[in-house]
């Protein structure tokens, strides 16, 4: 039986997408012996990184495959290079920073880990293209495995928690997942403020962002929710608003589609790649275009029903079974 070590970033309250993607993978690959290692510290400072490396050195069990599941790429350098699979979720850090910080990230988060790893997995064709732009020499070792969502998102028998039924159920109810810069909330709230509606936002909120959003729009805010509570909120909403400026994949798109919730998202990669035909596509830089997409959704019942149908069909591309089968084949060839 192959022994697989899955290495995860430090668990945090503001991010959980990687952890959700790999949740329950052991159940689908019971013929492998999985062990999980979680970094003790977020990779936000030099000293935290050194401490994470120290704890990796204390791992005294021999594994056939070491899989770095994302974020803490630098840990690949401390394992046998013939055994390392590295999953890279996006090139966001390379495209946001410059100066010394850029070069530290370029070398220790990307260049050296990519050189050291036997295989590099990316989560969309868009991310593959961006990675090859920076590291063309590694093109032959880069392959795409789409993210998946847990099976519970496809469960029609899921019992919704009624505490997330909000004040006026006659109003359209919009949902936004995530509060980081790329989620585009500062433009989105200008579009939402033109409607009489309920707006629900999930994710940690800074005081600065909170004050910006309150200028033109009231909203409900939630953070630190269980997966079941997140699903309950999804199912209580009419439309997912996801006009993101940058994503490696865009997991909320597929989560909403699997649950039968229509999606409004950006007309840029990888959102178009991931959403298929089951979404309203808008220019994320245009408040008026976002607003017009929302109007089209509200005013056309047949269009809403078609979005649900196409979205559910598209979500089947990202089943947990196909995801696990791809990784199973990858582990076996190591």
Foldseek 3Di string as FASTA:
>chain_A
DFEEEEEEEADDFFDCVLVQLCPPLCVLCVVYHYDYDYQPDHPPDPVSLVSSLVVVVVPPDDGQAYEHSEDNLLNLVVDQQARYEYEYEACVLCVPDDDPSNVCCCVRVQVVSLVSHQAYEYAFVVRLVVNCVSVVVSNVRYDYQHGFGDCVLLDPPQDADVVLQDDDLVFAEEEEEHDDPQQLVLLQLVLVLVGPHEYEYEGDDDPVRVVSSVPRDDYHYYTPDDPRNVSNNLLSHAEYERAGNDTSACVVLLSSLSNLHEYEYEPDPPCCVQQPPLYHYFHSVDSVRSNVSVVVCVPDPVNSNVSSVSSNVSSVVRHSNSSSVVVVVVNVVD
